[in-house]
N, C-alpha and C. Protein backbone atom coordinates (compact mmCIF):
# COMPACT_ATOMS: atom_id res chain seq x y z
N MET A 1 -17.35 -4.54 -9.44
CA MET A 1 -18.19 -3.38 -9.27
C MET A 1 -18.49 -3.17 -7.79
N ALA A 2 -18.51 -1.93 -7.38
CA ALA A 2 -18.83 -1.61 -6.01
C ALA A 2 -20.32 -1.82 -5.79
N ALA A 3 -20.67 -2.40 -4.66
CA ALA A 3 -22.07 -2.73 -4.39
C ALA A 3 -22.94 -1.48 -4.42
N GLY A 4 -24.00 -1.54 -5.19
CA GLY A 4 -24.99 -0.50 -5.21
C GLY A 4 -24.66 0.71 -6.08
N THR A 5 -23.43 0.86 -6.52
CA THR A 5 -23.09 2.06 -7.29
C THR A 5 -22.94 1.79 -8.77
N GLY A 6 -22.64 0.55 -9.13
CA GLY A 6 -22.43 0.24 -10.53
C GLY A 6 -21.06 0.68 -11.02
N LEU A 7 -20.24 1.23 -10.14
CA LEU A 7 -18.92 1.70 -10.53
C LEU A 7 -17.83 0.99 -9.71
N ALA A 8 -16.77 0.63 -10.38
CA ALA A 8 -15.62 0.06 -9.68
C ALA A 8 -14.83 1.20 -9.07
N LYS A 9 -14.37 1.01 -7.83
CA LYS A 9 -13.56 2.03 -7.17
C LYS A 9 -12.12 1.56 -7.15
N GLN A 10 -11.23 2.47 -7.46
CA GLN A 10 -9.81 2.15 -7.48
C GLN A 10 -9.08 2.93 -6.40
N MET A 11 -8.09 2.30 -5.82
CA MET A 11 -7.20 2.95 -4.87
C MET A 11 -5.81 2.89 -5.49
N ARG A 12 -5.23 4.04 -5.76
CA ARG A 12 -3.88 4.09 -6.32
C ARG A 12 -2.93 4.50 -5.21
N LEU A 13 -1.95 3.65 -4.95
CA LEU A 13 -0.99 3.90 -3.90
C LEU A 13 0.41 4.02 -4.49
N THR A 14 1.12 5.03 -4.07
CA THR A 14 2.48 5.25 -4.54
C THR A 14 3.46 4.80 -3.47
N ILE A 15 4.45 4.03 -3.91
CA ILE A 15 5.50 3.56 -3.01
C ILE A 15 6.77 4.34 -3.31
N GLU A 16 7.30 4.99 -2.30
CA GLU A 16 8.58 5.69 -2.46
C GLU A 16 9.65 4.87 -1.76
N THR A 17 10.81 4.80 -2.40
CA THR A 17 11.91 4.01 -1.82
C THR A 17 13.12 4.90 -1.60
N GLU A 18 13.93 4.47 -0.64
CA GLU A 18 15.14 5.21 -0.30
C GLU A 18 16.16 4.23 0.28
N ARG A 19 17.39 4.40 -0.12
CA ARG A 19 18.45 3.55 0.43
C ARG A 19 19.04 4.23 1.66
N GLU A 20 19.08 3.49 2.76
CA GLU A 20 19.60 4.01 4.02
C GLU A 20 21.13 3.96 4.01
N ASP A 21 21.75 4.69 4.92
CA ASP A 21 23.21 4.71 5.02
C ASP A 21 23.81 3.33 5.30
N ASP A 22 23.04 2.48 6.00
CA ASP A 22 23.54 1.15 6.34
C ASP A 22 23.32 0.13 5.21
N GLY A 23 22.79 0.59 4.06
CA GLY A 23 22.62 -0.29 2.91
C GLY A 23 21.23 -0.88 2.75
N ARG A 24 20.43 -0.84 3.81
CA ARG A 24 19.06 -1.36 3.71
C ARG A 24 18.21 -0.41 2.88
N TRP A 25 17.13 -0.95 2.32
CA TRP A 25 16.18 -0.16 1.57
C TRP A 25 14.93 0.05 2.40
N LEU A 26 14.38 1.25 2.35
CA LEU A 26 13.14 1.59 3.02
C LEU A 26 12.10 1.91 1.95
N ALA A 27 10.93 1.30 2.06
CA ALA A 27 9.82 1.57 1.15
C ALA A 27 8.66 2.09 1.99
N GLU A 28 8.01 3.14 1.49
CA GLU A 28 6.90 3.75 2.21
C GLU A 28 5.74 3.97 1.26
N VAL A 29 4.53 3.63 1.72
CA VAL A 29 3.33 3.85 0.92
C VAL A 29 2.79 5.22 1.27
N MET A 30 2.80 6.10 0.29
CA MET A 30 2.28 7.44 0.49
C MET A 30 0.76 7.36 0.57
N GLY A 31 0.17 8.07 1.48
CA GLY A 31 -1.28 8.04 1.62
C GLY A 31 -1.78 7.07 2.67
N LEU A 32 -0.91 6.20 3.17
CA LEU A 32 -1.27 5.31 4.27
C LEU A 32 -0.24 5.56 5.39
N ALA A 33 -0.61 6.39 6.32
CA ALA A 33 0.32 6.82 7.38
C ALA A 33 0.94 5.63 8.12
N GLY A 34 2.26 5.67 8.22
CA GLY A 34 2.98 4.65 8.98
C GLY A 34 3.22 3.35 8.26
N VAL A 35 2.81 3.24 7.00
CA VAL A 35 2.99 1.99 6.26
C VAL A 35 4.34 2.05 5.55
N MET A 36 5.33 1.43 6.19
CA MET A 36 6.69 1.39 5.64
C MET A 36 7.34 0.09 6.04
N ALA A 37 8.33 -0.31 5.25
CA ALA A 37 9.03 -1.56 5.52
C ALA A 37 10.45 -1.49 4.99
N TYR A 38 11.34 -2.19 5.68
CA TYR A 38 12.73 -2.31 5.26
C TYR A 38 12.93 -3.61 4.50
N GLY A 39 13.94 -3.62 3.64
CA GLY A 39 14.32 -4.84 2.93
C GLY A 39 15.80 -4.82 2.60
N GLU A 40 16.34 -5.99 2.32
CA GLU A 40 17.75 -6.12 1.94
C GLU A 40 18.01 -5.52 0.56
N SER A 41 16.98 -5.54 -0.29
CA SER A 41 17.07 -4.95 -1.63
C SER A 41 15.85 -4.07 -1.83
N ARG A 42 15.87 -3.26 -2.87
CA ARG A 42 14.73 -2.41 -3.18
C ARG A 42 13.49 -3.26 -3.43
N GLU A 43 13.65 -4.34 -4.19
CA GLU A 43 12.54 -5.22 -4.52
C GLU A 43 11.96 -5.87 -3.27
N ASP A 44 12.84 -6.26 -2.34
CA ASP A 44 12.41 -6.87 -1.08
C ASP A 44 11.60 -5.88 -0.26
N ALA A 45 12.06 -4.64 -0.17
CA ALA A 45 11.35 -3.61 0.59
C ALA A 45 9.98 -3.34 -0.04
N ILE A 46 9.93 -3.27 -1.37
CA ILE A 46 8.65 -3.04 -2.06
C ILE A 46 7.69 -4.20 -1.81
N ARG A 47 8.19 -5.41 -1.90
CA ARG A 47 7.34 -6.60 -1.67
C ARG A 47 6.77 -6.56 -0.25
N ARG A 48 7.60 -6.25 0.71
CA ARG A 48 7.15 -6.21 2.10
C ARG A 48 6.13 -5.11 2.35
N VAL A 49 6.37 -3.92 1.78
CA VAL A 49 5.46 -2.81 2.05
C VAL A 49 4.13 -3.00 1.31
N ARG A 50 4.14 -3.65 0.17
CA ARG A 50 2.88 -3.96 -0.51
C ARG A 50 2.03 -4.89 0.34
N ALA A 51 2.65 -5.92 0.89
CA ALA A 51 1.93 -6.87 1.74
C ALA A 51 1.36 -6.16 2.97
N LEU A 52 2.14 -5.27 3.57
CA LEU A 52 1.68 -4.53 4.73
C LEU A 52 0.51 -3.61 4.36
N ALA A 53 0.62 -2.93 3.22
CA ALA A 53 -0.45 -2.04 2.77
C ALA A 53 -1.75 -2.82 2.55
N LEU A 54 -1.66 -3.99 1.96
CA LEU A 54 -2.85 -4.80 1.74
C LEU A 54 -3.49 -5.22 3.05
N ARG A 55 -2.66 -5.54 4.06
CA ARG A 55 -3.20 -5.89 5.37
C ARG A 55 -3.90 -4.69 6.01
N VAL A 56 -3.32 -3.50 5.88
CA VAL A 56 -3.92 -2.29 6.44
C VAL A 56 -5.25 -1.99 5.75
N VAL A 57 -5.29 -2.07 4.43
CA VAL A 57 -6.54 -1.82 3.70
C VAL A 57 -7.59 -2.86 4.06
N ALA A 58 -7.19 -4.13 4.18
CA ALA A 58 -8.14 -5.19 4.55
C ALA A 58 -8.73 -4.92 5.94
N GLU A 59 -7.89 -4.51 6.87
CA GLU A 59 -8.37 -4.19 8.22
C GLU A 59 -9.37 -3.05 8.18
N ARG A 60 -9.08 -2.03 7.39
CA ARG A 60 -10.00 -0.89 7.27
C ARG A 60 -11.32 -1.31 6.64
N MET A 61 -11.25 -2.22 5.66
CA MET A 61 -12.47 -2.72 5.04
C MET A 61 -13.31 -3.49 6.06
N GLU A 62 -12.64 -4.31 6.88
CA GLU A 62 -13.35 -5.07 7.91
C GLU A 62 -14.02 -4.16 8.92
N GLN A 63 -13.40 -3.02 9.19
CA GLN A 63 -13.96 -2.06 10.15
C GLN A 63 -15.03 -1.17 9.52
N GLY A 64 -15.22 -1.29 8.21
CA GLY A 64 -16.26 -0.54 7.52
C GLY A 64 -15.92 0.90 7.20
N GLU A 65 -14.63 1.23 7.19
CA GLU A 65 -14.23 2.60 6.88
C GLU A 65 -14.58 2.92 5.42
N PRO A 66 -15.27 4.05 5.21
CA PRO A 66 -15.68 4.42 3.84
C PRO A 66 -14.50 4.56 2.88
N SER A 67 -13.36 5.04 3.35
CA SER A 67 -12.20 5.24 2.47
C SER A 67 -11.63 3.93 1.97
N ALA A 68 -11.98 2.83 2.61
CA ALA A 68 -11.42 1.53 2.23
C ALA A 68 -12.34 0.74 1.31
N ARG A 69 -13.47 1.30 0.93
CA ARG A 69 -14.38 0.59 0.03
C ARG A 69 -13.87 0.69 -1.38
N THR A 70 -13.17 -0.34 -1.78
CA THR A 70 -12.53 -0.33 -3.09
C THR A 70 -12.58 -1.72 -3.69
N THR A 71 -12.45 -1.80 -4.99
CA THR A 71 -12.43 -3.10 -5.65
C THR A 71 -11.10 -3.36 -6.34
N THR A 72 -10.30 -2.31 -6.55
CA THR A 72 -9.02 -2.45 -7.24
C THR A 72 -7.96 -1.63 -6.50
N ILE A 73 -6.82 -2.24 -6.28
CA ILE A 73 -5.69 -1.51 -5.68
C ILE A 73 -4.53 -1.60 -6.64
N ARG A 74 -3.95 -0.44 -6.97
CA ARG A 74 -2.80 -0.38 -7.87
C ARG A 74 -1.63 0.27 -7.14
N PHE A 75 -0.45 -0.33 -7.30
CA PHE A 75 0.76 0.20 -6.72
C PHE A 75 1.66 0.75 -7.80
N THR A 76 2.31 1.87 -7.52
CA THR A 76 3.33 2.43 -8.40
C THR A 76 4.55 2.69 -7.54
N ALA A 77 5.68 2.09 -7.89
CA ALA A 77 6.92 2.30 -7.14
C ALA A 77 7.78 3.31 -7.88
N ARG A 78 8.36 4.23 -7.11
CA ARG A 78 9.28 5.18 -7.73
C ARG A 78 10.51 5.34 -6.90
């Protein structure tokens, strides 16, 4: 539960993937500017970008940004 509100806040993040001409996979988190990562496989790129997104959200929480006050983060890859 979010402190003081009695409600849990959720952040839903969508991951879009694309295969590059050189064979690498690129995964990007929509809604978090600049959060993208390459991987040897689609799964590798998704794993890397999820970790990066969590670090970005954690940093925003530490800085006290209102948009980062959340208790649940859900990822959807497409």
